[in-house]
């Protein structure tokens, strides 16, 4: 059974943390309401980057072997929103190696431009490998590419961006490509 003294002590002990928590809540609400503090907090802060896109691939010969032009691309993602993208990927055909299924793989390198045609562009360098899915005529089969990307530079909102991550490319036999980028950026 509680005595009056113990009840007052218990209420006082519980009141102190409640007042402290209320003070933290007011401080957090005041800080979040000031947009200048929020922008200062987010400037230079690393953010997760997740982008998915679709494009058409046009092949053409180039000094490295075969160049893939990403055309009419559209992307969506975070924190970059939506927009157009394009790019150029070189397949180093002289350095092909077997895919383990009777087909081939080749190193790839190139550049992707997110926000193509807009003032807010993010230019990414990609470097990895592209492998034929299965065997058969490489000109009529699908390919899967895995690469690392790094931010080369940006313009507008992304003028001071940096970052890196992983990229996948899935090209079907009809030259349609699906791209996924997962990584992080700072700006």
N, C-alpha and C. Protein backbone atom coordinates (compact mmCIF):
# COMPACT_ATOMS: atom_id res chain seq x y z
N UNK A 1 0.83 -1.17 0.00
CA UNK A 1 0.00 0.00 0.00
C UNK A 1 0.89 1.24 0.00
N UNK A 2 0.53 2.27 -0.87
CA UNK A 2 1.33 3.48 -0.98
C UNK A 2 1.02 4.43 0.17
N UNK A 3 2.05 5.05 0.63
CA UNK A 3 1.84 6.12 1.61
C UNK A 3 1.75 7.42 0.81
N UNK A 4 1.28 8.48 1.41
CA UNK A 4 1.15 9.76 0.73
C UNK A 4 2.51 10.26 0.28
N UNK A 5 3.54 10.09 1.10
CA UNK A 5 4.88 10.53 0.75
C UNK A 5 5.39 9.80 -0.50
N UNK A 6 5.21 8.46 -0.53
CA UNK A 6 5.67 7.68 -1.68
C UNK A 6 4.90 8.08 -2.94
N UNK A 7 3.61 8.34 -2.86
CA UNK A 7 2.80 8.73 -4.01
C UNK A 7 3.29 10.06 -4.58
N UNK A 8 3.60 11.05 -3.69
CA UNK A 8 4.11 12.34 -4.16
C UNK A 8 5.47 12.17 -4.81
N UNK A 9 6.34 11.34 -4.26
CA UNK A 9 7.67 11.10 -4.81
C UNK A 9 7.56 10.45 -6.19
N UNK A 10 6.64 9.49 -6.32
CA UNK A 10 6.45 8.80 -7.60
C UNK A 10 5.92 9.78 -8.64
N UNK A 11 4.93 10.60 -8.30
CA UNK A 11 4.40 11.60 -9.24
C UNK A 11 5.48 12.59 -9.65
N UNK A 12 6.30 13.04 -8.75
CA UNK A 12 7.38 13.98 -9.06
C UNK A 12 8.41 13.32 -9.98
N UNK A 13 8.72 12.06 -9.73
CA UNK A 13 9.70 11.34 -10.55
C UNK A 13 9.16 11.16 -11.97
N UNK A 14 7.86 10.92 -12.12
CA UNK A 14 7.28 10.75 -13.45
C UNK A 14 7.09 12.10 -14.15
N UNK A 15 6.87 13.17 -13.43
CA UNK A 15 6.64 14.47 -14.02
C UNK A 15 7.90 15.02 -14.67
N UNK A 16 9.07 14.82 -14.11
CA UNK A 16 10.32 15.36 -14.65
C UNK A 16 10.59 14.85 -16.07
N UNK A 17 10.55 13.51 -16.34
CA UNK A 17 10.77 13.05 -17.72
C UNK A 17 9.69 13.56 -18.67
N UNK A 18 8.45 13.69 -18.21
CA UNK A 18 7.38 14.17 -19.08
C UNK A 18 7.64 15.61 -19.50
N UNK A 19 8.09 16.46 -18.58
CA UNK A 19 8.41 17.86 -18.90
C UNK A 19 9.59 17.90 -19.87
N UNK A 20 10.59 17.07 -19.64
CA UNK A 20 11.75 17.04 -20.52
C UNK A 20 11.36 16.62 -21.93
N UNK A 21 10.52 15.59 -22.06
CA UNK A 21 10.07 15.13 -23.38
C UNK A 21 9.25 16.21 -24.08
N UNK A 22 8.41 16.91 -23.34
CA UNK A 22 7.61 17.98 -23.94
C UNK A 22 8.53 19.09 -24.46
N UNK A 23 9.58 19.41 -23.73
CA UNK A 23 10.55 20.42 -24.16
C UNK A 23 11.25 20.00 -25.45
N UNK A 24 11.63 18.72 -25.55
CA UNK A 24 12.26 18.22 -26.77
C UNK A 24 11.29 18.32 -27.95
N UNK A 25 10.03 18.02 -27.71
CA UNK A 25 9.02 18.09 -28.77
C UNK A 25 8.85 19.51 -29.28
N UNK A 26 8.80 20.50 -28.39
CA UNK A 26 8.67 21.90 -28.79
C UNK A 26 9.92 22.33 -29.57
N UNK A 27 11.10 21.93 -29.11
CA UNK A 27 12.34 22.29 -29.80
C UNK A 27 12.38 21.67 -31.19
N UNK A 28 11.96 20.44 -31.34
CA UNK A 28 11.96 19.76 -32.64
C UNK A 28 10.95 20.42 -33.57
N UNK A 29 9.77 20.76 -33.07
CA UNK A 29 8.75 21.40 -33.90
C UNK A 29 9.22 22.77 -34.37
N UNK A 30 9.87 23.52 -33.51
CA UNK A 30 10.37 24.85 -33.87
C UNK A 30 11.45 24.72 -34.93
N UNK A 31 12.37 23.78 -34.77
CA UNK A 31 13.44 23.58 -35.73
C UNK A 31 12.90 23.14 -37.07
N UNK A 32 11.93 22.23 -37.11
CA UNK A 32 11.37 21.74 -38.36
C UNK A 32 10.58 22.82 -39.07
N UNK A 33 10.02 23.78 -38.33
CA UNK A 33 9.21 24.83 -38.94
C UNK A 33 10.08 25.87 -39.63
N UNK A 34 11.36 25.97 -39.32
CA UNK A 34 12.25 26.97 -39.91
C UNK A 34 12.91 26.37 -41.16
N UNK A 35 12.47 26.76 -42.38
CA UNK A 35 12.99 26.15 -43.59
C UNK A 35 14.48 26.38 -43.78
N UNK A 36 15.02 27.49 -43.29
CA UNK A 36 16.46 27.72 -43.46
C UNK A 36 17.27 26.68 -42.69
N UNK A 37 16.80 26.28 -41.51
CA UNK A 37 17.49 25.23 -40.76
C UNK A 37 17.39 23.90 -41.49
N UNK A 38 16.22 23.58 -42.07
CA UNK A 38 16.04 22.31 -42.77
C UNK A 38 16.94 22.23 -43.99
N UNK A 39 17.04 23.31 -44.78
CA UNK A 39 17.88 23.26 -45.98
C UNK A 39 19.35 23.15 -45.59
N UNK A 40 19.74 23.80 -44.52
CA UNK A 40 21.13 23.68 -44.08
C UNK A 40 21.43 22.26 -43.63
N UNK A 41 20.46 21.62 -42.99
CA UNK A 41 20.65 20.25 -42.52
C UNK A 41 20.78 19.29 -43.69
N UNK A 42 20.04 19.52 -44.81
CA UNK A 42 20.04 18.58 -45.92
C UNK A 42 21.15 18.85 -46.93
N UNK A 43 21.73 20.05 -46.94
CA UNK A 43 22.79 20.37 -47.88
C UNK A 43 24.01 19.50 -47.60
N UNK A 44 24.46 18.79 -48.61
CA UNK A 44 25.63 17.94 -48.46
C UNK A 44 25.35 16.61 -47.79
N UNK A 45 24.12 16.39 -47.37
CA UNK A 45 23.75 15.15 -46.70
C UNK A 45 23.59 14.03 -47.73
N UNK A 46 24.05 12.86 -47.40
CA UNK A 46 23.93 11.72 -48.31
C UNK A 46 22.50 11.21 -48.33
N UNK A 47 21.98 10.96 -49.54
CA UNK A 47 20.62 10.44 -49.71
C UNK A 47 20.68 9.15 -50.52
N UNK A 48 19.75 8.26 -50.27
CA UNK A 48 19.66 7.03 -51.07
C UNK A 48 19.13 7.39 -52.45
N UNK A 49 19.69 6.78 -53.47
CA UNK A 49 19.28 7.00 -54.85
C UNK A 49 18.74 5.67 -55.39
N UNK A 50 17.51 5.68 -55.86
CA UNK A 50 16.92 4.50 -56.50
C UNK A 50 16.22 5.01 -57.75
N UNK A 51 16.63 4.48 -58.91
CA UNK A 51 16.09 4.93 -60.19
C UNK A 51 15.77 3.72 -61.05
N UNK A 52 14.63 3.78 -61.72
CA UNK A 52 14.27 2.75 -62.71
C UNK A 52 13.95 3.48 -64.01
N UNK A 53 14.36 2.88 -65.12
CA UNK A 53 14.12 3.51 -66.41
C UNK A 53 14.00 2.51 -67.53
N UNK A 54 13.41 2.98 -68.64
CA UNK A 54 13.27 2.19 -69.85
C UNK A 54 13.76 3.02 -71.01
N UNK A 55 14.47 2.38 -71.94
CA UNK A 55 14.98 3.06 -73.13
C UNK A 55 15.06 2.07 -74.28
N UNK A 56 15.22 2.61 -75.48
CA UNK A 56 15.47 1.81 -76.67
C UNK A 56 16.96 1.85 -76.95
N UNK A 57 17.53 0.73 -77.37
CA UNK A 57 18.96 0.66 -77.64
C UNK A 57 19.19 0.62 -79.15
N UNK A 58 20.08 1.48 -79.62
CA UNK A 58 20.52 1.47 -81.01
C UNK A 58 22.00 1.09 -81.00
N UNK A 59 22.34 0.03 -81.73
CA UNK A 59 23.73 -0.44 -81.83
C UNK A 59 24.43 0.27 -82.99
N UNK A 60 25.71 0.54 -82.80
CA UNK A 60 26.53 1.05 -83.89
C UNK A 60 27.98 0.66 -83.63
N UNK A 61 28.76 0.45 -84.69
CA UNK A 61 30.17 0.14 -84.49
C UNK A 61 30.90 1.35 -83.91
N UNK A 62 31.91 1.11 -83.11
CA UNK A 62 32.76 2.18 -82.58
C UNK A 62 34.15 1.61 -82.34
N UNK A 63 35.15 2.43 -82.07
CA UNK A 63 36.52 1.94 -81.91
C UNK A 63 36.66 0.83 -80.85
N UNK A 64 35.85 0.86 -79.80
CA UNK A 64 35.94 -0.15 -78.75
C UNK A 64 35.34 -1.48 -79.17
N UNK A 65 34.51 -1.46 -80.20
CA UNK A 65 33.85 -2.68 -80.67
C UNK A 65 32.41 -2.41 -81.05
N UNK A 66 31.54 -2.19 -80.06
CA UNK A 66 30.13 -1.93 -80.31
C UNK A 66 29.65 -0.89 -79.31
N UNK A 67 29.00 0.15 -79.81
CA UNK A 67 28.45 1.18 -78.93
C UNK A 67 26.94 1.06 -78.89
N UNK A 68 26.39 1.14 -77.72
CA UNK A 68 24.95 1.08 -77.49
C UNK A 68 24.48 2.47 -77.10
N UNK A 69 23.62 3.05 -77.91
CA UNK A 69 23.05 4.36 -77.61
C UNK A 69 21.70 4.15 -76.93
N UNK A 70 21.53 4.69 -75.73
CA UNK A 70 20.25 4.63 -75.01
C UNK A 70 19.42 5.81 -75.48
N UNK A 71 18.31 5.53 -76.16
CA UNK A 71 17.49 6.58 -76.76
C UNK A 71 16.07 6.57 -76.21
N UNK A 72 15.47 7.76 -76.22
CA UNK A 72 14.07 7.92 -75.80
C UNK A 72 13.80 7.34 -74.41
N UNK A 73 14.78 7.45 -73.52
CA UNK A 73 14.64 6.90 -72.18
C UNK A 73 13.79 7.76 -71.27
N UNK A 74 13.05 7.10 -70.39
CA UNK A 74 12.31 7.79 -69.33
C UNK A 74 12.65 7.10 -68.02
N UNK A 75 12.78 7.90 -66.95
CA UNK A 75 13.12 7.34 -65.64
C UNK A 75 12.20 7.90 -64.58
N UNK A 76 12.19 7.21 -63.44
CA UNK A 76 11.48 7.64 -62.24
C UNK A 76 12.32 7.18 -61.06
N UNK A 77 12.32 7.95 -60.00
CA UNK A 77 13.11 7.53 -58.85
C UNK A 77 13.13 8.54 -57.74
N UNK A 78 13.93 8.22 -56.75
CA UNK A 78 14.08 9.09 -55.59
C UNK A 78 15.55 9.35 -55.35
N UNK A 79 16.00 10.49 -55.06
CA UNK A 79 15.29 11.75 -54.91
C UNK A 79 15.18 12.54 -56.22
N UNK A 80 15.40 11.90 -57.36
CA UNK A 80 15.50 12.60 -58.64
C UNK A 80 14.19 12.81 -59.38
N UNK A 81 13.12 12.21 -58.94
CA UNK A 81 11.83 12.41 -59.59
C UNK A 81 11.70 11.64 -60.90
N UNK A 82 11.19 12.32 -61.93
CA UNK A 82 10.99 11.68 -63.23
C UNK A 82 11.62 12.54 -64.31
N UNK A 83 11.85 11.93 -65.47
CA UNK A 83 12.39 12.70 -66.58
C UNK A 83 12.90 11.83 -67.70
N UNK A 84 13.61 12.47 -68.61
CA UNK A 84 14.19 11.78 -69.76
C UNK A 84 15.64 11.42 -69.44
N UNK A 85 16.11 10.35 -70.05
CA UNK A 85 17.53 10.01 -69.93
C UNK A 85 18.04 9.42 -71.22
N UNK A 86 19.34 9.44 -71.36
CA UNK A 86 20.01 8.85 -72.51
C UNK A 86 21.41 8.45 -72.08
N UNK A 87 22.15 7.95 -73.03
CA UNK A 87 23.51 7.58 -72.70
C UNK A 87 24.16 6.81 -73.82
N UNK A 88 25.41 6.50 -73.60
CA UNK A 88 26.20 5.74 -74.56
C UNK A 88 27.06 4.75 -73.79
N UNK A 89 26.97 3.49 -74.17
CA UNK A 89 27.73 2.41 -73.52
C UNK A 89 28.60 1.72 -74.57
N UNK A 90 29.88 1.58 -74.30
CA UNK A 90 30.78 0.85 -75.19
C UNK A 90 30.92 -0.58 -74.70
N UNK A 91 30.75 -1.53 -75.60
CA UNK A 91 31.04 -2.94 -75.31
C UNK A 91 32.41 -3.24 -75.88
N UNK A 92 33.33 -3.68 -75.05
CA UNK A 92 34.70 -3.96 -75.47
C UNK A 92 34.75 -5.36 -76.06
N UNK A 93 34.34 -5.48 -77.32
CA UNK A 93 34.17 -6.76 -77.99
C UNK A 93 35.48 -7.55 -78.06
N UNK A 94 36.62 -6.88 -78.17
CA UNK A 94 37.91 -7.57 -78.23
C UNK A 94 38.23 -8.31 -76.93
N UNK A 95 37.51 -7.98 -75.85
CA UNK A 95 37.78 -8.59 -74.55
C UNK A 95 36.66 -9.53 -74.10
N UNK A 96 35.94 -10.13 -75.05
CA UNK A 96 34.84 -11.03 -74.69
C UNK A 96 35.34 -12.24 -73.91
N UNK A 97 34.43 -12.80 -73.12
CA UNK A 97 34.73 -14.02 -72.36
C UNK A 97 33.44 -14.84 -72.27
N UNK A 98 33.55 -16.16 -72.03
CA UNK A 98 32.36 -17.02 -72.04
C UNK A 98 31.42 -16.73 -70.86
N UNK A 99 30.12 -16.92 -71.10
CA UNK A 99 29.14 -16.71 -70.03
C UNK A 99 28.81 -17.99 -69.27
N UNK A 100 29.41 -19.13 -69.65
CA UNK A 100 29.16 -20.39 -68.97
C UNK A 100 27.96 -21.15 -69.51
N UNK A 101 27.26 -20.56 -70.51
CA UNK A 101 26.08 -21.20 -71.10
C UNK A 101 26.21 -21.32 -72.62
N UNK A 102 27.42 -21.14 -73.13
CA UNK A 102 27.63 -21.20 -74.57
C UNK A 102 27.51 -19.85 -75.25
N UNK A 103 27.31 -18.79 -74.48
CA UNK A 103 27.22 -17.43 -75.01
C UNK A 103 28.44 -16.62 -74.61
N UNK A 104 28.34 -15.31 -74.73
CA UNK A 104 29.47 -14.44 -74.45
C UNK A 104 29.13 -13.32 -73.47
N UNK A 105 30.18 -12.76 -72.91
CA UNK A 105 30.11 -11.56 -72.07
C UNK A 105 31.17 -10.60 -72.59
N UNK A 106 31.02 -9.33 -72.27
CA UNK A 106 32.04 -8.34 -72.63
C UNK A 106 32.04 -7.23 -71.59
N UNK A 107 33.23 -6.69 -71.30
CA UNK A 107 33.28 -5.51 -70.42
C UNK A 107 32.53 -4.35 -71.08
N UNK A 108 31.95 -3.50 -70.25
CA UNK A 108 31.26 -2.31 -70.77
C UNK A 108 31.64 -1.10 -69.94
N UNK A 109 31.61 0.05 -70.59
CA UNK A 109 31.85 1.33 -69.91
C UNK A 109 31.11 2.41 -70.68
N UNK A 110 30.74 3.44 -69.97
CA UNK A 110 30.03 4.51 -70.66
C UNK A 110 29.47 5.54 -69.72
N UNK A 111 28.43 6.21 -70.20
CA UNK A 111 27.87 7.36 -69.49
C UNK A 111 26.35 7.37 -69.65
N UNK A 112 25.68 7.72 -68.57
CA UNK A 112 24.22 7.89 -68.57
C UNK A 112 23.92 9.30 -68.09
N UNK A 113 22.97 9.96 -68.74
CA UNK A 113 22.58 11.32 -68.36
C UNK A 113 21.13 11.29 -67.92
N UNK A 114 20.89 11.44 -66.62
CA UNK A 114 19.54 11.56 -66.08
C UNK A 114 19.12 13.02 -66.19
N UNK A 115 17.90 13.27 -66.61
CA UNK A 115 17.42 14.65 -66.75
C UNK A 115 17.84 15.26 -68.08
N UNK A 116 18.09 14.43 -69.07
CA UNK A 116 18.51 14.89 -70.39
C UNK A 116 17.53 15.93 -70.92
N UNK A 117 18.06 17.05 -71.41
CA UNK A 117 17.22 18.12 -71.95
C UNK A 117 16.68 19.07 -70.90
N UNK A 118 17.05 18.89 -69.64
CA UNK A 118 16.57 19.78 -68.57
C UNK A 118 17.78 20.51 -67.95
N UNK A 119 17.53 21.57 -67.20
CA UNK A 119 18.66 22.24 -66.54
C UNK A 119 19.22 21.45 -65.35
N UNK A 120 18.48 20.47 -64.85
CA UNK A 120 18.92 19.66 -63.70
C UNK A 120 19.32 18.27 -64.19
N UNK A 121 20.60 18.15 -64.56
CA UNK A 121 21.10 16.87 -65.09
C UNK A 121 22.08 16.24 -64.12
N UNK A 122 22.08 14.92 -64.11
CA UNK A 122 23.01 14.14 -63.31
C UNK A 122 23.71 13.18 -64.28
N UNK A 123 25.03 13.34 -64.41
CA UNK A 123 25.81 12.54 -65.37
C UNK A 123 26.55 11.45 -64.60
N UNK A 124 26.32 10.20 -64.99
CA UNK A 124 26.88 9.04 -64.30
C UNK A 124 27.84 8.29 -65.22
N UNK A 125 28.99 7.91 -64.70
CA UNK A 125 29.91 7.02 -65.42
C UNK A 125 29.58 5.60 -64.98
N UNK A 126 29.51 4.66 -65.94
CA UNK A 126 29.24 3.25 -65.62
C UNK A 126 30.39 2.39 -66.12
N UNK A 127 30.68 1.33 -65.36
CA UNK A 127 31.78 0.43 -65.69
C UNK A 127 31.43 -0.95 -65.15
N UNK A 128 31.36 -1.96 -66.03
CA UNK A 128 31.00 -3.30 -65.59
C UNK A 128 31.08 -4.31 -66.71
N UNK A 129 30.16 -5.27 -66.72
CA UNK A 129 30.13 -6.35 -67.71
C UNK A 129 28.70 -6.56 -68.20
N UNK A 130 28.59 -6.98 -69.46
CA UNK A 130 27.31 -7.33 -70.05
C UNK A 130 27.42 -8.76 -70.55
N UNK A 131 26.45 -9.60 -70.18
CA UNK A 131 26.48 -11.01 -70.56
C UNK A 131 25.22 -11.42 -71.29
N UNK A 132 25.42 -12.19 -72.35
CA UNK A 132 24.32 -12.77 -73.11
C UNK A 132 23.56 -13.72 -72.19
N UNK A 133 22.24 -13.70 -72.28
CA UNK A 133 21.42 -14.64 -71.52
C UNK A 133 21.32 -15.93 -72.33
N UNK A 134 22.06 -16.97 -71.92
CA UNK A 134 22.06 -18.23 -72.64
C UNK A 134 23.03 -18.23 -73.79
N UNK A 135 22.68 -18.96 -74.84
CA UNK A 135 23.54 -19.10 -76.01
C UNK A 135 22.78 -18.64 -77.25
N UNK A 136 23.41 -18.78 -78.42
CA UNK A 136 22.76 -18.43 -79.68
C UNK A 136 23.38 -17.21 -80.30
N UNK A 137 22.72 -16.71 -81.32
CA UNK A 137 23.18 -15.54 -82.05
C UNK A 137 23.07 -14.31 -81.14
N UNK A 138 24.20 -13.66 -80.83
CA UNK A 138 24.15 -12.49 -79.93
C UNK A 138 23.30 -11.34 -80.47
N UNK A 139 23.09 -11.29 -81.78
CA UNK A 139 22.29 -10.19 -82.34
C UNK A 139 20.79 -10.39 -82.16
N UNK A 140 20.39 -11.59 -81.72
CA UNK A 140 18.95 -11.87 -81.57
C UNK A 140 18.59 -12.38 -80.18
N UNK A 141 19.49 -12.23 -79.20
CA UNK A 141 19.20 -12.70 -77.84
C UNK A 141 19.23 -11.54 -76.85
N UNK A 142 18.84 -11.81 -75.64
CA UNK A 142 18.82 -10.79 -74.59
C UNK A 142 20.15 -10.78 -73.84
N UNK A 143 20.39 -9.66 -73.14
CA UNK A 143 21.63 -9.47 -72.37
C UNK A 143 21.30 -8.88 -71.01
N UNK A 144 22.13 -9.21 -70.03
CA UNK A 144 22.04 -8.62 -68.70
C UNK A 144 23.38 -7.97 -68.39
N UNK A 145 23.33 -6.71 -67.97
CA UNK A 145 24.54 -5.98 -67.61
C UNK A 145 24.54 -5.62 -66.14
N UNK A 146 25.70 -5.75 -65.51
CA UNK A 146 25.91 -5.34 -64.12
C UNK A 146 27.09 -4.38 -64.10
N UNK A 147 26.93 -3.25 -63.42
CA UNK A 147 27.99 -2.25 -63.42
C UNK A 147 27.97 -1.44 -62.12
N UNK A 148 29.06 -0.79 -61.88
CA UNK A 148 29.13 0.23 -60.84
C UNK A 148 28.96 1.57 -61.52
N UNK A 149 28.32 2.51 -60.82
CA UNK A 149 28.24 3.87 -61.37
C UNK A 149 28.82 4.85 -60.37
N UNK A 150 29.35 5.95 -60.90
CA UNK A 150 29.80 7.07 -60.07
C UNK A 150 29.26 8.35 -60.71
N UNK A 151 28.96 9.32 -59.88
CA UNK A 151 28.51 10.61 -60.39
C UNK A 151 29.73 11.34 -60.94
N UNK A 152 29.71 11.66 -62.25
CA UNK A 152 30.79 12.43 -62.87
C UNK A 152 30.63 13.91 -62.57
N UNK A 153 29.42 14.41 -62.82
CA UNK A 153 29.10 15.81 -62.54
C UNK A 153 27.61 16.02 -62.70
N UNK A 154 27.17 17.20 -62.37
CA UNK A 154 25.76 17.53 -62.52
C UNK A 154 25.60 18.99 -62.85
N UNK A 155 24.37 19.38 -63.17
CA UNK A 155 24.04 20.77 -63.44
C UNK A 155 22.79 21.14 -62.65
N UNK A 156 22.55 22.42 -62.48
CA UNK A 156 21.36 22.88 -61.77
C UNK A 156 21.34 22.36 -60.35
N UNK A 157 20.26 21.69 -59.98
CA UNK A 157 20.10 21.14 -58.64
C UNK A 157 21.23 20.19 -58.26
N UNK A 158 21.82 19.55 -59.27
CA UNK A 158 22.86 18.54 -59.02
C UNK A 158 24.27 19.05 -59.31
N UNK A 159 24.46 20.38 -59.35
CA UNK A 159 25.75 20.96 -59.72
C UNK A 159 26.90 20.48 -58.84
N UNK A 160 26.66 20.21 -57.59
CA UNK A 160 27.74 19.78 -56.68
C UNK A 160 27.56 18.34 -56.21
N UNK A 161 26.82 17.56 -57.00
CA UNK A 161 26.51 16.19 -56.59
C UNK A 161 27.73 15.27 -56.68
N UNK A 162 27.74 14.30 -55.79
CA UNK A 162 28.71 13.21 -55.83
C UNK A 162 27.96 11.97 -55.38
N UNK A 163 28.51 10.80 -55.69
CA UNK A 163 27.86 9.58 -55.26
C UNK A 163 28.26 8.40 -56.11
N UNK A 164 27.70 7.24 -55.75
CA UNK A 164 28.03 6.00 -56.45
C UNK A 164 26.99 4.94 -56.10
N UNK A 165 27.09 3.80 -56.81
CA UNK A 165 26.18 2.70 -56.55
C UNK A 165 26.31 1.61 -57.59
N UNK A 166 25.27 0.79 -57.69
CA UNK A 166 25.23 -0.34 -58.61
C UNK A 166 24.15 -0.12 -59.65
N UNK A 167 24.40 -0.63 -60.87
CA UNK A 167 23.45 -0.50 -61.97
C UNK A 167 23.21 -1.87 -62.59
N UNK A 168 21.97 -2.13 -62.98
CA UNK A 168 21.65 -3.32 -63.77
C UNK A 168 20.98 -2.86 -65.06
N UNK A 169 21.25 -3.58 -66.12
CA UNK A 169 20.65 -3.32 -67.42
C UNK A 169 20.13 -4.65 -67.94
N UNK A 170 18.90 -4.66 -68.39
CA UNK A 170 18.30 -5.87 -68.94
C UNK A 170 17.77 -5.53 -70.33
N UNK A 171 18.51 -5.99 -71.36
CA UNK A 171 18.14 -5.71 -72.74
C UNK A 171 17.48 -6.94 -73.34
N UNK A 172 16.26 -6.76 -73.85
CA UNK A 172 15.58 -7.90 -74.47
C UNK A 172 15.98 -8.01 -75.94
N UNK A 173 15.51 -9.06 -76.61
CA UNK A 173 15.87 -9.33 -78.00
C UNK A 173 15.34 -8.25 -78.95
N UNK A 174 14.37 -7.44 -78.51
CA UNK A 174 13.81 -6.37 -79.34
C UNK A 174 14.50 -5.03 -79.06
N UNK A 175 15.66 -5.04 -78.41
CA UNK A 175 16.47 -3.85 -78.11
C UNK A 175 15.79 -2.86 -77.16
N UNK A 176 14.94 -3.36 -76.28
CA UNK A 176 14.35 -2.53 -75.23
C UNK A 176 15.14 -2.80 -73.95
N UNK A 177 15.54 -1.75 -73.26
CA UNK A 177 16.37 -1.89 -72.07
C UNK A 177 15.64 -1.39 -70.83
N UNK A 178 15.79 -2.14 -69.74
CA UNK A 178 15.28 -1.73 -68.43
C UNK A 178 16.49 -1.53 -67.52
N UNK A 179 16.58 -0.37 -66.93
CA UNK A 179 17.72 0.01 -66.10
C UNK A 179 17.26 0.19 -64.65
N UNK A 180 18.10 -0.25 -63.72
CA UNK A 180 17.89 0.03 -62.30
C UNK A 180 19.20 0.54 -61.72
N UNK A 181 19.13 1.65 -61.00
CA UNK A 181 20.27 2.22 -60.28
C UNK A 181 19.95 2.23 -58.81
N UNK A 182 20.87 1.73 -57.98
CA UNK A 182 20.69 1.76 -56.53
C UNK A 182 22.00 2.22 -55.92
N UNK A 183 21.96 3.30 -55.16
CA UNK A 183 23.18 3.82 -54.54
C UNK A 183 22.85 5.00 -53.65
N UNK A 184 23.75 5.98 -53.65
CA UNK A 184 23.54 7.17 -52.84
C UNK A 184 24.18 8.38 -53.52
N UNK A 185 23.64 9.56 -53.22
CA UNK A 185 24.22 10.81 -53.72
C UNK A 185 24.22 11.84 -52.60
N UNK A 186 25.13 12.78 -52.73
CA UNK A 186 25.18 13.96 -51.86
C UNK A 186 25.12 15.17 -52.79
N UNK A 187 24.48 16.23 -52.32
CA UNK A 187 24.46 17.46 -53.12
C UNK A 187 24.47 18.67 -52.24
